[in-house]
Amino acid sequence: MSLKFIKNKKTWGRLVIAFFVIWMLFFDANSYIYQQEYNSEINKLEQTIEFYETEIQKNKQTLHDFSIQKNLNNYAREKYHYKKEDEQLYLIEYDTLD
């Protein structure tokens, strides 16, 4: 029975194809597992790119706002509580808990 198994060309063909498929799925440098890892890394990098592009747009808008001196003064007063020497500053905090 083992002699028939060895001489059968269909069996050898199936074994070679099965070996090739298993090799390509798991062991090759371009295997399915590696491709999935690469795709997830690409998705993470694309999300990072989108995040930084939106941050760049926000920073460009802030720089544009700072180009006008009046806006710069208002921004510093509101954001960092700056005041002139002869002014008094009153901070009103609202309770966010209802």
PDB file of N, CA and C in Angstrom:
ATOM      1  N   MET A   1       0.821  -1.194   0.000  1.00  0.00           N
ATOM      2  CA  MET A   1       0.000   0.000   0.000  1.00  0.00           C
ATOM      3  C   MET A   1       0.860   1.252   0.000  1.00  0.00           C
ATOM      4  N   SER A   2       1.952   1.255   0.712  1.00  0.00           N
ATOM      5  CA  SER A   2       2.803   2.431   0.730  1.00  0.00           C
ATOM      6  C   SER A   2       3.514   2.619  -0.602  1.00  0.00           C
ATOM      7  N   LEU A   3       3.737   1.541  -1.326  1.00  0.00           N
ATOM      8  CA  LEU A   3       4.369   1.636  -2.636  1.00  0.00           C
ATOM      9  C   LEU A   3       3.454   2.338  -3.625  1.00  0.00           C
ATOM     10  N   LYS A   4       2.142   2.075  -3.545  1.00  0.00           N
ATOM     11  CA  LYS A   4       1.179   2.753  -4.418  1.00  0.00           C
ATOM     12  C   LYS A   4       1.126   4.245  -4.077  1.00  0.00           C
ATOM     13  N   PHE A   5       1.215   4.542  -2.786  1.00  0.00           N
ATOM     14  CA  PHE A   5       1.175   5.937  -2.337  1.00  0.00           C
ATOM     15  C   PHE A   5       2.355   6.722  -2.888  1.00  0.00           C
ATOM     16  N   ILE A   6       3.526   6.104  -2.908  1.00  0.00           N
ATOM     17  CA  ILE A   6       4.736   6.769  -3.383  1.00  0.00           C
ATOM     18  C   ILE A   6       4.695   6.961  -4.893  1.00  0.00           C
ATOM     19  N   LYS A   7       4.125   6.009  -5.633  1.00  0.00           N
ATOM     20  CA  LYS A   7       4.118   6.080  -7.098  1.00  0.00           C
ATOM     21  C   LYS A   7       2.972   6.927  -7.654  1.00  0.00           C
ATOM     22  N   ASN A   8       1.999   7.283  -6.832  1.00  0.00           N
ATOM     23  CA  ASN A   8       0.846   8.018  -7.310  1.00  0.00           C
ATOM     24  C   ASN A   8       1.213   9.492  -7.521  1.00  0.00           C
ATOM     25  N   LYS A   9       1.071   9.969  -8.763  1.00  0.00           N
ATOM     26  CA  LYS A   9       1.431  11.359  -9.093  1.00  0.00           C
ATOM     27  C   LYS A   9       0.437  12.356  -8.521  1.00  0.00           C
ATOM     28  N   LYS A  10      -0.824  12.010  -8.438  1.00  0.00           N
ATOM     29  CA  LYS A  10      -1.823  12.927  -7.881  1.00  0.00           C
ATOM     30  C   LYS A  10      -1.538  13.208  -6.417  1.00  0.00           C
ATOM     31  N   THR A  11      -1.127  12.177  -5.703  1.00  0.00           N
ATOM     32  CA  THR A  11      -0.832  12.349  -4.285  1.00  0.00           C
ATOM     33  C   THR A  11       0.356  13.282  -4.100  1.00  0.00           C
ATOM     34  N   TRP A  12       1.380  13.089  -4.905  1.00  0.00           N
ATOM     35  CA  TRP A  12       2.552  13.967  -4.820  1.00  0.00           C
ATOM     36  C   TRP A  12       2.193  15.409  -5.184  1.00  0.00           C
ATOM     37  N   GLY A  13       1.365  15.554  -6.181  1.00  0.00           N
ATOM     38  CA  GLY A  13       0.930  16.891  -6.565  1.00  0.00           C
ATOM     39  C   GLY A  13       0.159  17.573  -5.450  1.00  0.00           C
ATOM     40  N   ARG A  14      -0.738  16.812  -4.817  1.00  0.00           N
ATOM     41  CA  ARG A  14      -1.503  17.378  -3.700  1.00  0.00           C
ATOM     42  C   ARG A  14      -0.593  17.738  -2.529  1.00  0.00           C
ATOM     43  N   LEU A  15       0.372  16.891  -2.241  1.00  0.00           N
ATOM     44  CA  LEU A  15       1.313  17.167  -1.155  1.00  0.00           C
ATOM     45  C   LEU A  15       2.139  18.426  -1.430  1.00  0.00           C
ATOM     46  N   VAL A  16       2.581  18.555  -2.672  1.00  0.00           N
ATOM     47  CA  VAL A  16       3.382  19.730  -3.033  1.00  0.00           C
ATOM     48  C   VAL A  16       2.538  20.987  -2.939  1.00  0.00           C
ATOM     49  N   ILE A  17       1.315  20.924  -3.423  1.00  0.00           N
ATOM     50  CA  ILE A  17       0.429  22.095  -3.349  1.00  0.00           C
ATOM     51  C   ILE A  17       0.118  22.434  -1.895  1.00  0.00           C
ATOM     52  N   ALA A  18      -0.173  21.436  -1.076  1.00  0.00           N
ATOM     53  CA  ALA A  18      -0.460  21.673   0.341  1.00  0.00           C
ATOM     54  C   ALA A  18       0.753  22.271   1.035  1.00  0.00           C
ATOM     55  N   PHE A  19       1.946  21.739   0.745  1.00  0.00           N
ATOM     56  CA  PHE A  19       3.162  22.282   1.335  1.00  0.00           C
ATOM     57  C   PHE A  19       3.374  23.729   0.917  1.00  0.00           C
ATOM     58  N   PHE A  20       3.145  24.019  -0.360  1.00  0.00           N
ATOM     59  CA  PHE A  20       3.311  25.370  -0.879  1.00  0.00           C
ATOM     60  C   PHE A  20       2.332  26.339  -0.206  1.00  0.00           C
ATOM     61  N   VAL A  21       1.076  25.933  -0.075  1.00  0.00           N
ATOM     62  CA  VAL A  21       0.061  26.795   0.545  1.00  0.00           C
ATOM     63  C   VAL A  21       0.412  27.052   2.009  1.00  0.00           C
ATOM     64  N   ILE A  22       0.773  26.010   2.731  1.00  0.00           N
ATOM     65  CA  ILE A  22       1.150  26.177   4.136  1.00  0.00           C
ATOM     66  C   ILE A  22       2.373  27.072   4.265  1.00  0.00           C
ATOM     67  N   TRP A  23       3.346  26.869   3.395  1.00  0.00           N
ATOM     68  CA  TRP A  23       4.554  27.693   3.433  1.00  0.00           C
ATOM     69  C   TRP A  23       4.222  29.164   3.180  1.00  0.00           C
ATOM     70  N   MET A  24       3.397  29.436   2.187  1.00  0.00           N
ATOM     71  CA  MET A  24       3.058  30.811   1.849  1.00  0.00           C
ATOM     72  C   MET A  24       2.196  31.480   2.929  1.00  0.00           C
ATOM     73  N   LEU A  25       1.354  30.710   3.608  1.00  0.00           N
ATOM     74  CA  LEU A  25       0.487  31.298   4.628  1.00  0.00           C
ATOM     75  C   LEU A  25       1.227  31.615   5.917  1.00  0.00           C
ATOM     76  N   PHE A  26       2.201  30.784   6.286  1.00  0.00           N
ATOM     77  CA  PHE A  26       2.780  30.920   7.616  1.00  0.00           C
ATOM     78  C   PHE A  26       4.272  31.229   7.665  1.00  0.00           C
ATOM     79  N   PHE A  27       5.058  30.734   6.746  1.00  0.00           N
ATOM     80  CA  PHE A  27       6.509  30.801   6.903  1.00  0.00           C
ATOM     81  C   PHE A  27       7.219  31.780   5.981  1.00  0.00           C
ATOM     82  N   ASP A  28       6.629  32.156   4.894  1.00  0.00           N
ATOM     83  CA  ASP A  28       7.295  33.023   3.925  1.00  0.00           C
ATOM     84  C   ASP A  28       7.368  34.460   4.456  1.00  0.00           C
ATOM     85  N   ALA A  29       8.306  35.242   3.921  1.00  0.00           N
ATOM     86  CA  ALA A  29       8.448  36.645   4.325  1.00  0.00           C
ATOM     87  C   ALA A  29       7.222  37.466   3.930  1.00  0.00           C
ATOM     88  N   ASN A  30       6.494  37.030   2.938  1.00  0.00           N
ATOM     89  CA  ASN A  30       5.273  37.712   2.509  1.00  0.00           C
ATOM     90  C   ASN A  30       4.031  36.944   2.955  1.00  0.00           C
ATOM     91  N   SER A  31       4.106  36.280   4.087  1.00  0.00           N
ATOM     92  CA  SER A  31       3.003  35.438   4.545  1.00  0.00           C
ATOM     93  C   SER A  31       1.786  36.275   4.922  1.00  0.00           C
ATOM     94  N   TYR A  32       0.679  35.600   5.061  1.00  0.00           N
ATOM     95  CA  TYR A  32      -0.581  36.250   5.405  1.00  0.00           C
ATOM     96  C   TYR A  32      -0.485  36.931   6.767  1.00  0.00           C
ATOM     97  N   ILE A  33       0.162  36.302   7.705  1.00  0.00           N
ATOM     98  CA  ILE A  33       0.308  36.866   9.050  1.00  0.00           C
ATOM     99  C   ILE A  33       1.103  38.162   9.006  1.00  0.00           C
ATOM    100  N   TYR A  34       2.212  38.158   8.296  1.00  0.00           N
ATOM    101  CA  TYR A  34       3.026  39.374   8.182  1.00  0.00           C
ATOM    102  C   TYR A  34       2.267  40.477   7.459  1.00  0.00           C
ATOM    103  N   GLN A  35       1.503  40.110   6.445  1.00  0.00           N
ATOM    104  CA  GLN A  35       0.733  41.111   5.712  1.00  0.00           C
ATOM    105  C   GLN A  35      -0.309  41.774   6.611  1.00  0.00           C
ATOM    106  N   GLN A  36      -0.949  40.990   7.482  1.00  0.00           N
ATOM    107  CA  GLN A  36      -1.918  41.564   8.413  1.00  0.00           C
ATOM    108  C   GLN A  36      -1.238  42.512   9.399  1.00  0.00           C
ATOM    109  N   GLU A  37      -0.052  42.145   9.879  1.00  0.00           N
ATOM    110  CA  GLU A  37       0.694  43.034  10.769  1.00  0.00           C
ATOM    111  C   GLU A  37       1.081  44.325  10.063  1.00  0.00           C
ATOM    112  N   TYR A  38       1.534  44.199   8.830  1.00  0.00           N
ATOM    113  CA  TYR A  38       1.916  45.382   8.063  1.00  0.00           C
ATOM    114  C   TYR A  38       0.709  46.282   7.813  1.00  0.00           C
ATOM    115  N   ASN A  39      -0.446  45.687   7.494  1.00  0.00           N
ATOM    116  CA  ASN A  39      -1.650  46.488   7.254  1.00  0.00           C
ATOM    117  C   ASN A  39      -2.096  47.219   8.509  1.00  0.00           C
ATOM    118  N   SER A  40      -2.014  46.567   9.664  1.00  0.00           N
ATOM    119  CA  SER A  40      -2.404  47.257  10.899  1.00  0.00           C
ATOM    120  C   SER A  40      -1.429  48.388  11.222  1.00  0.00           C
ATOM    121  N   GLU A  41      -0.145  48.178  10.954  1.00  0.00           N
ATOM    122  CA  GLU A  41       0.839  49.242  11.177  1.00  0.00           C
ATOM    123  C   GLU A  41       0.596  50.414  10.226  1.00  0.00           C
ATOM    124  N   ILE A  42       0.256  50.120   8.989  1.00  0.00           N
ATOM    125  CA  ILE A  42      -0.050  51.178   8.015  1.00  0.00           C
ATOM    126  C   ILE A  42      -1.261  51.976   8.473  1.00  0.00           C
ATOM    127  N   ASN A  43      -2.295  51.290   8.981  1.00  0.00           N
ATOM    128  CA  ASN A  43      -3.487  51.995   9.463  1.00  0.00           C
ATOM    129  C   ASN A  43      -3.147  52.909  10.637  1.00  0.00           C
ATOM    130  N   LYS A  44      -2.315  52.444  11.557  1.00  0.00           N
ATOM    131  CA  LYS A  44      -1.909  53.281  12.685  1.00  0.00           C
ATOM    132  C   LYS A  44      -1.145  54.508  12.204  1.00  0.00           C
ATOM    133  N   LEU A  45      -0.253  54.309  11.252  1.00  0.00           N
ATOM    134  CA  LEU A  45       0.528  55.436  10.732  1.00  0.00           C
ATOM    135  C   LEU A  45      -0.359  56.428   9.984  1.00  0.00           C
ATOM    136  N   GLU A  46      -1.352  55.933   9.260  1.00  0.00           N
ATOM    137  CA  GLU A  46      -2.270  56.839   8.565  1.00  0.00           C
ATOM    138  C   GLU A  46      -3.089  57.653   9.561  1.00  0.00           C
ATOM    139  N   GLN A  47      -3.497  57.039  10.660  1.00  0.00           N
ATOM    140  CA  GLN A  47      -4.218  57.776  11.696  1.00  0.00           C
ATOM    141  C   GLN A  47      -3.314  58.836  12.324  1.00  0.00           C
ATOM    142  N   THR A  48      -2.050  58.504  12.523  1.00  0.00           N
ATOM    143  CA  THR A  48      -1.102  59.467  13.068  1.00  0.00           C
ATOM    144  C   THR A  48      -0.915  60.636  12.108  1.00  0.00           C
ATOM    145  N   ILE A  49      -0.846  60.342  10.832  1.00  0.00           N
ATOM    146  CA  ILE A  49      -0.709  61.398   9.824  1.00  0.00           C
ATOM    147  C   ILE A  49      -1.927  62.316   9.860  1.00  0.00           C
ATOM    148  N   GLU A  50      -3.124  61.735   9.929  1.00  0.00           N
ATOM    149  CA  GLU A  50      -4.338  62.553   9.994  1.00  0.00           C
ATOM    150  C   GLU A  50      -4.353  63.434  11.237  1.00  0.00           C
ATOM    151  N   PHE A  51      -3.924  62.867  12.376  1.00  0.00           N
ATOM    152  CA  PHE A  51      -3.885  63.636  13.616  1.00  0.00           C
ATOM    153  C   PHE A  51      -2.955  64.833  13.469  1.00  0.00           C
ATOM    154  N   TYR A  52      -1.749  64.597  12.942  1.00  0.00           N
ATOM    155  CA  TYR A  52      -0.791  65.698  12.818  1.00  0.00           C
ATOM    156  C   TYR A  52      -1.216  66.714  11.769  1.00  0.00           C
ATOM    157  N   GLU A  53      -1.913  66.269  10.722  1.00  0.00           N
ATOM    158  CA  GLU A  53      -2.412  67.232   9.739  1.00  0.00           C
ATOM    159  C   GLU A  53      -3.460  68.150  10.360  1.00  0.00           C
ATOM    160  N   THR A  54      -4.342  67.607  11.193  1.00  0.00           N
ATOM    161  CA  THR A  54      -5.324  68.462  11.858  1.00  0.00           C
ATOM    162  C   THR A  54      -4.652  69.391  12.854  1.00  0.00           C
ATOM    163  N   GLU A  55      -3.627  68.909  13.552  1.00  0.00           N
ATOM    164  CA  GLU A  55      -2.897  69.775  14.476  1.00  0.00           C
ATOM    165  C   GLU A  55      -2.177  70.897  13.728  1.00  0.00           C
ATOM    166  N   ILE A  56      -1.640  70.600  12.573  1.00  0.00           N
ATOM    167  CA  ILE A  56      -0.978  71.619  11.755  1.00  0.00           C
ATOM    168  C   ILE A  56      -1.979  72.687  11.346  1.00  0.00           C
ATOM    169  N   GLN A  57      -3.169  72.258  10.935  1.00  0.00           N
ATOM    170  CA  GLN A  57      -4.199  73.224  10.543  1.00  0.00           C
ATOM    171  C   GLN A  57      -4.612  74.102  11.730  1.00  0.00           C
ATOM    172  N   LYS A  58      -4.747  73.499  12.913  1.00  0.00           N
ATOM    173  CA  LYS A  58      -5.080  74.285  14.100  1.00  0.00           C
ATOM    174  C   LYS A  58      -3.980  75.297  14.402  1.00  0.00           C
ATOM    175  N   ASN A  59      -2.733  74.865  14.305  1.00  0.00           N
ATOM    176  CA  ASN A  59      -1.611  75.764  14.589  1.00  0.00           C
ATOM    177  C   ASN A  59      -1.510  76.875  13.547  1.00  0.00           C
ATOM    178  N   LYS A  60      -1.803  76.563  12.293  1.00  0.00           N
ATOM    179  CA  LYS A  60      -1.797  77.599  11.263  1.00  0.00           C
ATOM    180  C   LYS A  60      -2.872  78.644  11.553  1.00  0.00           C
ATOM    181  N   GLN A  61      -4.033  78.165  11.992  1.00  0.00           N
ATOM    182  CA  GLN A  61      -5.107  79.103  12.323  1.00  0.00           C
ATOM    183  C   GLN A  61      -4.714  79.976  13.517  1.00  0.00           C
ATOM    184  N   THR A  62      -4.069  79.382  14.510  1.00  0.00           N
ATOM    185  CA  THR A  62      -3.623  80.149  15.676  1.00  0.00           C
ATOM    186  C   THR A  62      -2.583  81.179  15.272  1.00  0.00           C
ATOM    187  N   LEU A  63      -1.650  80.799  14.421  1.00  0.00           N
ATOM    188  CA  LEU A  63      -0.646  81.749  13.939  1.00  0.00           C
ATOM    189  C   LEU A  63      -1.291  82.884  13.146  1.00  0.00           C
ATOM    190  N   HIS A  64      -2.289  82.532  12.358  1.00  0.00           N
ATOM    191  CA  HIS A  64      -2.988  83.560  11.601  1.00  0.00           C
ATOM    192  C   HIS A  64      -3.691  84.527  12.555  1.00  0.00           C
ATOM    193  N   ASP A  65      -4.290  83.978  13.604  1.00  0.00           N
ATOM    194  CA  ASP A  65      -4.955  84.841  14.592  1.00  0.00           C
ATOM    195  C   ASP A  65      -3.947  85.720  15.322  1.00  0.00           C
ATOM    196  N   PHE A  66      -2.755  85.197  15.577  1.00  0.00           N
ATOM    197  CA  PHE A  66      -1.735  85.974  16.272  1.00  0.00           C
ATOM    198  C   PHE A  66      -1.140  87.068  15.398  1.00  0.00           C
ATOM    199  N   SER A  67      -1.316  86.944  14.102  1.00  0.00           N
ATOM    200  CA  SER A  67      -0.752  87.957  13.219  1.00  0.00           C
ATOM    201  C   SER A  67      -1.405  89.317  13.436  1.00  0.00           C
ATOM    202  N   ILE A  68      -2.581  89.313  13.971  1.00  0.00           N
ATOM    203  CA  ILE A  68      -3.266  90.552  14.311  1.00  0.00           C
ATOM    204  C   ILE A  68      -3.003  90.828  15.790  1.00  0.00           C
ATOM    205  N   GLN A  69      -2.409  91.952  16.089  1.00  0.00           N
ATOM    206  CA  GLN A  69      -1.983  92.269  17.458  1.00  0.00           C
ATOM    207  C   GLN A  69      -3.150  92.280  18.440  1.00  0.00           C
ATOM    208  N   LYS A  70      -4.297  92.764  18.003  1.00  0.00           N
ATOM    209  CA  LYS A  70      -5.447  92.828  18.901  1.00  0.00           C
ATOM    210  C   LYS A  70      -5.851  91.421  19.332  1.00  0.00           C
ATOM    211  N   ASN A  71      -5.866  90.511  18.401  1.00  0.00           N
ATOM    212  CA  ASN A  71      -6.208  89.130  18.723  1.00  0.00           C
ATOM    213  C   ASN A  71      -5.171  88.502  19.641  1.00  0.00           C
ATOM    214  N   LEU A  72      -3.912  88.865  19.460  1.00  0.00           N
ATOM    215  CA  LEU A  72      -2.855  88.342  20.327  1.00  0.00           C
ATOM    216  C   LEU A  72      -3.074  88.781  21.763  1.00  0.00           C
ATOM    217  N   ASN A  73      -3.388  90.048  21.958  1.00  0.00           N
ATOM    218  CA  ASN A  73      -3.663  90.548  23.299  1.00  0.00           C
ATOM    219  C   ASN A  73      -4.882  89.872  23.908  1.00  0.00           C
ATOM    220  N   ASN A  74      -5.938  89.741  23.131  1.00  0.00           N
ATOM    221  CA  ASN A  74      -7.143  89.096  23.642  1.00  0.00           C
ATOM    222  C   ASN A  74      -6.881  87.631  23.996  1.00  0.00           C
ATOM    223  N   TYR A  75      -6.131  86.962  23.169  1.00  0.00           N
ATOM    224  CA  TYR A  75      -5.827  85.554  23.429  1.00  0.00           C
ATOM    225  C   TYR A  75      -5.017  85.407  24.712  1.00  0.00           C
ATOM    226  N   ALA A  76      -4.021  86.256  24.891  1.00  0.00           N
ATOM    227  CA  ALA A  76      -3.193  86.186  26.095  1.00  0.00           C
ATOM    228  C   ALA A  76      -4.012  86.498  27.334  1.00  0.00           C
ATOM    229  N   ARG A  77      -4.905  87.436  27.232  1.00  0.00           N
ATOM    230  CA  ARG A  77      -5.740  87.785  28.384  1.00  0.00           C
ATOM    231  C   ARG A  77      -6.695  86.644  28.738  1.00  0.00           C
ATOM    232  N   GLU A  78      -7.315  86.048  27.729  1.00  0.00           N
ATOM    233  CA  GLU A  78      -8.299  85.013  27.998  1.00  0.00           C
ATOM    234  C   GLU A  78      -7.655  83.686  28.388  1.00  0.00           C
ATOM    235  N   LYS A  79      -6.619  83.328  27.701  1.00  0.00           N
ATOM    236  CA  LYS A  79      -6.032  82.006  27.902  1.00  0.00           C
ATOM    237  C   LYS A  79      -5.066  81.964  29.083  1.00  0.00           C
ATOM    238  N   TYR A  80      -4.243  82.975  29.226  1.00  0.00           N
ATOM    239  CA  TYR A  80      -3.195  82.960  30.245  1.00  0.00           C
ATOM    240  C   TYR A  80      -3.420  83.985  31.363  1.00  0.00           C
ATOM    241  N   HIS A  81      -4.561  84.659  31.346  1.00  0.00           N
ATOM    242  CA  HIS A  81      -4.950  85.622  32.376  1.00  0.00           C
ATOM    243  C   HIS A  81      -3.929  86.751  32.529  1.00  0.00           C
ATOM    244  N   TYR A  82      -3.431  87.239  31.413  1.00  0.00           N
ATOM    245  CA  TYR A  82      -2.513  88.382  31.453  1.00  0.00           C
ATOM    246  C   TYR A  82      -3.316  89.656  31.689  1.00  0.00           C
ATOM    247  N   LYS A  83      -2.655  90.618  32.296  1.00  0.00           N
ATOM    248  CA  LYS A  83      -3.311  91.908  32.526  1.00  0.00           C
ATOM    249  C   LYS A  83      -2.265  93.004  32.456  1.00  0.00           C
ATOM    250  N   LYS A  84      -2.764  94.218  32.284  1.00  0.00           N
ATOM    251  CA  LYS A  84      -1.875  95.368  32.295  1.00  0.00           C
ATOM    252  C   LYS A  84      -1.563  95.730  33.739  1.00  0.00           C
ATOM    253  N   GLU A  85      -0.561  96.605  33.944  1.00  0.00           N
ATOM    254  CA  GLU A  85      -0.134  96.934  35.297  1.00  0.00           C
ATOM    255  C   GLU A  85      -1.219  97.651  36.098  1.00  0.00           C
ATOM    256  N   ASP A  86      -2.006  98.484  35.463  1.00  0.00           N
ATOM    257  CA  ASP A  86      -2.997  99.260  36.198  1.00  0.00           C
ATOM    258  C   ASP A  86      -4.389  98.607  36.185  1.00  0.00           C
ATOM    259  N   GLU A  87      -4.464  97.331  35.815  1.00  0.00           N
ATOM    260  CA  GLU A  87      -5.745  96.641  35.766  1.00  0.00           C
ATOM    261  C   GLU A  87      -5.863  95.633  36.909  1.00  0.00           C
ATOM    262  N   GLN A  88      -7.098  95.345  37.241  1.00  0.00           N
ATOM    263  CA  GLN A  88      -7.361  94.253  38.168  1.00  0.00           C
ATOM    264  C   GLN A  88      -8.078  93.153  37.396  1.00  0.00           C
ATOM    265  N   LEU A  89      -7.753  91.946  37.734  1.00  0.00           N
ATOM    266  CA  LEU A  89      -8.305  90.809  37.009  1.00  0.00           C
ATOM    267  C   LEU A  89      -9.219  90.016  37.933  1.00  0.00           C
ATOM    268  N   TYR A  90     -10.437  89.785  37.486  1.00  0.00           N
ATOM    269  CA  TYR A  90     -11.399  88.994  38.239  1.00  0.00           C
ATOM    270  C   TYR A  90     -11.714  87.751  37.420  1.00  0.00           C
ATOM    271  N   LEU A  91     -11.466  86.604  38.006  1.00  0.00           N
ATOM    272  CA  LEU A  91     -11.775  85.341  37.329  1.00  0.00           C
ATOM    273  C   LEU A  91     -13.100  84.824  37.853  1.00  0.00           C
ATOM    274  N   ILE A  92     -13.990  84.520  36.947  1.00  0.00           N
ATOM    275  CA  ILE A  92     -15.294  83.980  37.307  1.00  0.00           C
ATOM    276  C   ILE A  92     -15.302  82.522  36.864  1.00  0.00           C
ATOM    277  N   GLU A  93     -15.410  81.643  37.819  1.00  0.00           N
ATOM    278  CA  GLU A  93     -15.435  80.218  37.509  1.00  0.00           C
ATOM    279  C   GLU A  93     -16.856  79.717  37.678  1.00  0.00           C
ATOM    280  N   TYR A  94     -17.300  78.965  36.732  1.00  0.00           N
ATOM    281  CA  TYR A  94     -18.640  78.404  36.762  1.00  0.00           C
ATOM    282  C   TYR A  94     -18.557  76.976  37.257  1.00  0.00           C
ATOM    283  N   ASP A  95     -19.492  76.613  38.098  1.00  0.00           N
ATOM    284  CA  ASP A  95     -19.541  75.259  38.599  1.00  0.00           C
ATOM    285  C   ASP A  95     -20.127  74.375  37.501  1.00  0.00           C
ATOM    286  N   THR A  96     -19.348  73.389  37.106  1.00  0.00           N
ATOM    287  CA  THR A  96     -19.810  72.523  36.009  1.00  0.00           C
ATOM    288  C   THR A  96     -20.702  71.406  36.491  1.00  0.00           C
ATOM    289  N   LEU A  97     -20.714  71.177  37.801  1.00  0.00           N
ATOM    290  CA  LEU A  97     -21.577  70.128  38.337  1.00  0.00           C
ATOM    291  C   LEU A  97     -22.957  70.715  38.620  1.00  0.00           C
ATOM    292  N   ASP A  98     -23.956  70.119  38.074  1.00  0.00           N
ATOM    293  CA  ASP A  98     -25.323  70.617  38.285  1.00  0.00           C
ATOM    294  C   ASP A  98     -26.031  69.805  39.346  1.00  0.00           C
TER     295      ASP A  98
END
